[in-house]
Amino acid sequence: MLQPVTVDKYSPFLGEECALCKDPLSPGDDVIICPEDGSRHHDRCWLAHGGKCAAYGCTGHGEIASSSPPTSSAQGPQISQPDHVSAPPVSRRRQQTFSESCSQSCLVLGIAIAIIFFSIGCFGLWAIADYLMLHVWNLPYRAPFSGMLLPMFFSLYF
C-alpha cells in the first residue's frame, strides 16, 4: 500500500512535475511516490495509469492507501509539519537519462570532429603528394589546373 503525501507550501515536492501529466505539483495535491524510481505522480494520475508508475520502463506499482482527513484541534489552526523534512528521493531513471543523453552527444561530437580532422589530413596528404609528383619529380600524372587559386597557393608557400 502506498501512502499519499499531501503537498503544502513547505513541501520539497512543490513545483515538481507529475510523471504522467507533467503539471506542476501544487499545495493541496495528494502525491504518490513510486517505490521503484522515486518519480512523483498526482494520486489521480497514478490511478488513471492503472496503479503503475508512468516513467518509461519502470515496473513500480501499488495500491493507494485510503487516507483519513486530519482532525482539527480546539486550540486553533495549526500548520502540520512533518517530523523530519528531508530532500525528496532523486529519480535514478532521470539521472541515467540525462547522463546517457550527455554521453551520446559527446560521442557524436567526437566522431564529427574526428571525421573533420581525418578529411583535412587526407586533403593535406593529397596536396603534398600532388605537388611533389608534379613539381619536384616531374611526373605528370594529371593535367595541371588552369585556375588561379592553386598556383597562387603554391607560389606563396613553396
C-alpha atoms as a PDB file:
ATOM      1  CA  MET A   1       0.000   0.000   0.000  1.00  0.00           C
ATOM      2  CA  LEU A   2       1.340   3.396  -0.997  1.00  0.00           C
ATOM      3  CA  GLN A   3       0.691   6.307   1.317  1.00  0.00           C
ATOM      4  CA  PRO A   4      -0.142   9.585  -0.469  1.00  0.00           C
ATOM      5  CA  VAL A   5       1.792  12.679   0.567  1.00  0.00           C
ATOM      6  CA  THR A   6      -0.080  15.983   0.657  1.00  0.00           C
ATOM      7  CA  VAL A   7       1.848  18.889  -0.832  1.00  0.00           C
ATOM      8  CA  ASP A   8       1.832  22.083   1.218  1.00  0.00           C
ATOM      9  CA  LYS A   9       3.666  25.372   0.806  1.00  0.00           C
ATOM     10  CA  TYR A  10       6.713  23.967   2.646  1.00  0.00           C
ATOM     11  CA  SER A  11       6.835  20.713   0.717  1.00  0.00           C
ATOM     12  CA  PRO A  12      10.014  19.805  -1.170  1.00  0.00           C
ATOM     13  CA  PHE A  13       7.780  18.495  -3.978  1.00  0.00           C
ATOM     14  CA  LEU A  14       6.224  21.909  -4.625  1.00  0.00           C
ATOM     15  CA  GLY A  15       6.615  22.867  -8.291  1.00  0.00           C
ATOM     16  CA  GLU A  16       7.924  19.485  -9.466  1.00  0.00           C
ATOM     17  CA  GLU A  17       6.188  17.893 -12.441  1.00  0.00           C
ATOM     18  CA  CYS A  18       3.896  14.892 -12.298  1.00  0.00           C
ATOM     19  CA  ALA A  19       5.455  11.969 -14.182  1.00  0.00           C
ATOM     20  CA  LEU A  20       2.254  11.384 -16.176  1.00  0.00           C
ATOM     21  CA  CYS A  21       0.508  14.696 -16.859  1.00  0.00           C
ATOM     22  CA  LYS A  22       3.600  16.943 -16.469  1.00  0.00           C
ATOM     23  CA  ASP A  23       1.556  19.508 -14.496  1.00  0.00           C
ATOM     24  CA  PRO A  24       3.385  21.042 -11.529  1.00  0.00           C
ATOM     25  CA  LEU A  25       2.577  19.750  -8.061  1.00  0.00           C
ATOM     26  CA  SER A  26       0.785  22.464  -6.103  1.00  0.00           C
ATOM     27  CA  PRO A  27      -0.348  22.878  -2.485  1.00  0.00           C
ATOM     28  CA  GLY A  28      -3.237  20.579  -1.617  1.00  0.00           C
ATOM     29  CA  ASP A  29      -2.325  17.903  -4.189  1.00  0.00           C
ATOM     30  CA  ASP A  30      -2.008  14.335  -2.972  1.00  0.00           C
ATOM     31  CA  VAL A  31       1.169  12.834  -4.423  1.00  0.00           C
ATOM     32  CA  ILE A  32       2.179   9.210  -4.857  1.00  0.00           C
ATOM     33  CA  ILE A  33       5.910   8.468  -4.911  1.00  0.00           C
ATOM     34  CA  CYS A  34       6.905   5.465  -6.997  1.00  0.00           C
ATOM     35  CA  PRO A  35       8.637   2.876  -4.809  1.00  0.00           C
ATOM     36  CA  GLU A  36      10.968   1.857  -7.670  1.00  0.00           C
ATOM     37  CA  ASP A  37      12.394   5.089  -9.086  1.00  0.00           C
ATOM     38  CA  GLY A  38      11.020   7.840  -6.819  1.00  0.00           C
ATOM     39  CA  SER A  39       9.092   9.699  -9.521  1.00  0.00           C
ATOM     40  CA  ARG A  40       6.091  11.714  -8.349  1.00  0.00           C
ATOM     41  CA  HIS A  41       2.508  11.370  -9.573  1.00  0.00           C
ATOM     42  CA  HIS A  42      -0.762  13.043  -8.689  1.00  0.00           C
ATOM     43  CA  ASP A  43      -2.890  10.428  -6.974  1.00  0.00           C
ATOM     44  CA  ARG A  44      -5.461  10.728  -9.768  1.00  0.00           C
ATOM     45  CA  CYS A  45      -2.739  10.210 -12.388  1.00  0.00           C
ATOM     46  CA  TRP A  46      -1.448   7.123 -10.557  1.00  0.00           C
ATOM     47  CA  LEU A  47      -4.969   5.689 -10.562  1.00  0.00           C
ATOM     48  CA  ALA A  48      -5.563   6.690 -14.200  1.00  0.00           C
ATOM     49  CA  HIS A  49      -2.414   4.818 -15.185  1.00  0.00           C
ATOM     50  CA  GLY A  50      -3.684   1.651 -13.533  1.00  0.00           C
ATOM     51  CA  GLY A  51      -1.827   1.952 -10.236  1.00  0.00           C
ATOM     52  CA  LYS A  52       1.546   1.878 -12.011  1.00  0.00           C
ATOM     53  CA  CYS A  53       4.433   4.278 -12.490  1.00  0.00           C
ATOM     54  CA  ALA A  54       4.265   6.338 -15.675  1.00  0.00           C
ATOM     55  CA  ALA A  55       8.059   6.545 -16.166  1.00  0.00           C
ATOM     56  CA  TYR A  56       9.201   4.628 -19.227  1.00  0.00           C
ATOM     57  CA  GLY A  57      10.473   1.172 -18.310  1.00  0.00           C
ATOM     58  CA  CYS A  58       9.676   1.448 -14.608  1.00  0.00           C
ATOM     59  CA  THR A  59       7.932  -1.516 -13.012  1.00  0.00           C
ATOM     60  CA  GLY A  60       6.767   0.324  -9.881  1.00  0.00           C
ATOM     61  CA  HIS A  61       3.149  -0.329  -8.911  1.00  0.00           C
ATOM     62  CA  GLY A  62       0.893  -0.438  -5.898  1.00  0.00           C
ATOM     63  CA  GLU A  63      -2.462   0.458  -4.449  1.00  0.00           C
ATOM     64  CA  ILE A  64      -3.069   3.762  -2.736  1.00  0.00           C
ATOM     65  CA  ALA A  65      -3.842   3.511   0.965  1.00  0.00           C
ATOM     66  CA  SER A  66      -7.004   5.321   1.981  1.00  0.00           C
ATOM     67  CA  SER A  67      -6.245   8.426   3.985  1.00  0.00           C
ATOM     68  CA  SER A  68      -8.496   9.889   6.610  1.00  0.00           C
ATOM     69  CA  PRO A  69      -8.926  13.667   6.846  1.00  0.00           C
ATOM     70  CA  PRO A  70      -6.921  15.281   9.660  1.00  0.00           C
ATOM     71  CA  THR A  71      -8.761  16.102  12.858  1.00  0.00           C
ATOM     72  CA  SER A  72      -8.881  19.742  13.867  1.00  0.00           C
ATOM     73  CA  SER A  73      -7.726  20.923  17.264  1.00  0.00           C
ATOM     74  CA  ALA A  74      -9.753  23.168  19.554  1.00  0.00           C
ATOM     75  CA  GLN A  75      -6.717  25.421  20.031  1.00  0.00           C
ATOM     76  CA  GLY A  76      -6.978  26.954  16.557  1.00  0.00           C
ATOM     77  CA  PRO A  77      -5.399  26.253  13.223  1.00  0.00           C
ATOM     78  CA  GLN A  78      -2.030  24.580  13.266  1.00  0.00           C
ATOM     79  CA  ILE A  79       0.410  24.084  10.456  1.00  0.00           C
ATOM     80  CA  SER A  80       1.136  20.428  10.011  1.00  0.00           C
ATOM     81  CA  GLN A  81       4.868  19.952   9.672  1.00  0.00           C
ATOM     82  CA  PRO A  82       6.322  16.502   9.113  1.00  0.00           C
ATOM     83  CA  ASP A  83       8.566  15.142  11.856  1.00  0.00           C
ATOM     84  CA  HIS A  84      11.522  15.175   9.524  1.00  0.00           C
ATOM     85  CA  VAL A  85      11.851  17.223   6.379  1.00  0.00           C
ATOM     86  CA  SER A  86      14.268  15.590   4.022  1.00  0.00           C
ATOM     87  CA  ALA A  87      15.125  16.044   0.408  1.00  0.00           C
ATOM     88  CA  PRO A  88      12.942  14.051  -1.953  1.00  0.00           C
ATOM     89  CA  PRO A  89      14.446  10.860  -3.308  1.00  0.00           C
ATOM     90  CA  VAL A  90      16.174  11.545  -6.592  1.00  0.00           C
ATOM     91  CA  SER A  91      14.914   9.585  -9.527  1.00  0.00           C
ATOM     92  CA  ARG A  92      17.743   7.350 -10.708  1.00  0.00           C
ATOM     93  CA  ARG A  93      15.981   6.905 -14.033  1.00  0.00           C
ATOM     94  CA  ARG A  94      16.096  10.641 -14.746  1.00  0.00           C
ATOM     95  CA  GLN A  95      19.799  10.814 -13.854  1.00  0.00           C
ATOM     96  CA  GLN A  96      20.577   7.935 -16.185  1.00  0.00           C
ATOM     97  CA  THR A  97      18.620   9.543 -18.988  1.00  0.00           C
ATOM     98  CA  PHE A  98      20.485  12.845 -18.611  1.00  0.00           C
ATOM     99  CA  SER A  99      23.909  11.230 -18.403  1.00  0.00           C
ATOM    100  CA  GLU A 100      23.151   8.928 -21.308  1.00  0.00           C
ATOM    101  CA  SER A 101      21.999  11.810 -23.492  1.00  0.00           C
ATOM    102  CA  CYS A 102      25.065  13.839 -22.481  1.00  0.00           C
ATOM    103  CA  SER A 103      27.459  10.994 -23.263  1.00  0.00           C
ATOM    104  CA  GLN A 104      25.698  10.297 -26.575  1.00  0.00           C
ATOM    105  CA  SER A 105      26.030  13.967 -27.535  1.00  0.00           C
ATOM    106  CA  CYS A 106      29.717  13.948 -26.621  1.00  0.00           C
ATOM    107  CA  LEU A 107      30.238  10.771 -28.646  1.00  0.00           C
ATOM    108  CA  VAL A 108      28.551  12.233 -31.735  1.00  0.00           C
ATOM    109  CA  LEU A 109      30.564  15.445 -31.379  1.00  0.00           C
ATOM    110  CA  GLY A 110      33.808  13.490 -31.008  1.00  0.00           C
ATOM    111  CA  ILE A 111      33.060  11.407 -34.104  1.00  0.00           C
ATOM    112  CA  ALA A 112      32.224  14.539 -36.114  1.00  0.00           C
ATOM    113  CA  ILE A 113      35.484  16.216 -35.067  1.00  0.00           C
ATOM    114  CA  ALA A 114      37.470  13.066 -35.905  1.00  0.00           C
ATOM    115  CA  ILE A 115      35.880  12.932 -39.385  1.00  0.00           C
ATOM    116  CA  ILE A 116      36.714  16.598 -39.992  1.00  0.00           C
ATOM    117  CA  PHE A 117      40.346  16.151 -38.916  1.00  0.00           C
ATOM    118  CA  PHE A 118      40.646  12.958 -40.965  1.00  0.00           C
ATOM    119  CA  SER A 119      39.278  14.759 -44.039  1.00  0.00           C
ATOM    120  CA  ILE A 120      41.638  17.692 -43.566  1.00  0.00           C
ATOM    121  CA  GLY A 121      44.538  15.295 -43.092  1.00  0.00           C
ATOM    122  CA  CYS A 122      43.682  13.327 -46.218  1.00  0.00           C
ATOM    123  CA  PHE A 123      43.378  16.511 -48.286  1.00  0.00           C
ATOM    124  CA  GLY A 124      46.687  17.756 -46.911  1.00  0.00           C
ATOM    125  CA  LEU A 125      48.426  14.490 -47.770  1.00  0.00           C
ATOM    126  CA  TRP A 126      46.925  14.541 -51.256  1.00  0.00           C
ATOM    127  CA  ALA A 127      48.025  18.149 -51.778  1.00  0.00           C
ATOM    128  CA  ILE A 128      51.590  17.366 -50.700  1.00  0.00           C
ATOM    129  CA  ALA A 129      51.783  14.261 -52.893  1.00  0.00           C
ATOM    130  CA  ASP A 130      50.275  16.168 -55.814  1.00  0.00           C
ATOM    131  CA  TYR A 131      52.841  18.958 -55.509  1.00  0.00           C
ATOM    132  CA  LEU A 132      55.764  16.553 -55.192  1.00  0.00           C
ATOM    133  CA  MET A 133      54.702  14.495 -58.207  1.00  0.00           C
ATOM    134  CA  LEU A 134      54.056  17.466 -60.496  1.00  0.00           C
ATOM    135  CA  HIS A 135      56.685  20.000 -59.446  1.00  0.00           C
ATOM    136  CA  VAL A 136      59.546  18.108 -57.768  1.00  0.00           C
ATOM    137  CA  TRP A 137      59.703  14.733 -59.519  1.00  0.00           C
ATOM    138  CA  ASN A 138      58.155  15.965 -62.809  1.00  0.00           C
ATOM    139  CA  LEU A 139      55.697  13.056 -63.002  1.00  0.00           C
ATOM    140  CA  PRO A 140      52.715  14.397 -64.978  1.00  0.00           C
ATOM    141  CA  TYR A 141      50.074  12.023 -63.664  1.00  0.00           C
ATOM    142  CA  ARG A 142      47.336  14.608 -64.349  1.00  0.00           C
ATOM    143  CA  ALA A 143      46.874  17.783 -66.334  1.00  0.00           C
ATOM    144  CA  PRO A 144      47.741  20.942 -64.376  1.00  0.00           C
ATOM    145  CA  PHE A 145      44.876  23.052 -63.098  1.00  0.00           C
ATOM    146  CA  SER A 146      44.133  26.096 -65.225  1.00  0.00           C
ATOM    147  CA  GLY A 147      42.650  28.037 -62.326  1.00  0.00           C
ATOM    148  CA  MET A 148      44.494  30.756 -60.455  1.00  0.00           C
ATOM    149  CA  LEU A 149      43.938  29.530 -56.882  1.00  0.00           C
ATOM    150  CA  LEU A 150      46.273  26.534 -56.771  1.00  0.00           C
ATOM    151  CA  PRO A 151      49.335  28.096 -58.475  1.00  0.00           C
ATOM    152  CA  MET A 152      48.950  31.165 -56.278  1.00  0.00           C
ATOM    153  CA  PHE A 153      48.795  28.981 -53.157  1.00  0.00           C
ATOM    154  CA  PHE A 154      51.894  27.000 -54.105  1.00  0.00           C
ATOM    155  CA  SER A 155      53.850  30.090 -55.124  1.00  0.00           C
ATOM    156  CA  LEU A 156      53.222  31.621 -51.708  1.00  0.00           C
ATOM    157  CA  TYR A 157      54.288  28.642 -49.630  1.00  0.00           C
ATOM    158  CA  PHE A 158      56.786  26.713 -51.778  1.00  0.00           C
END
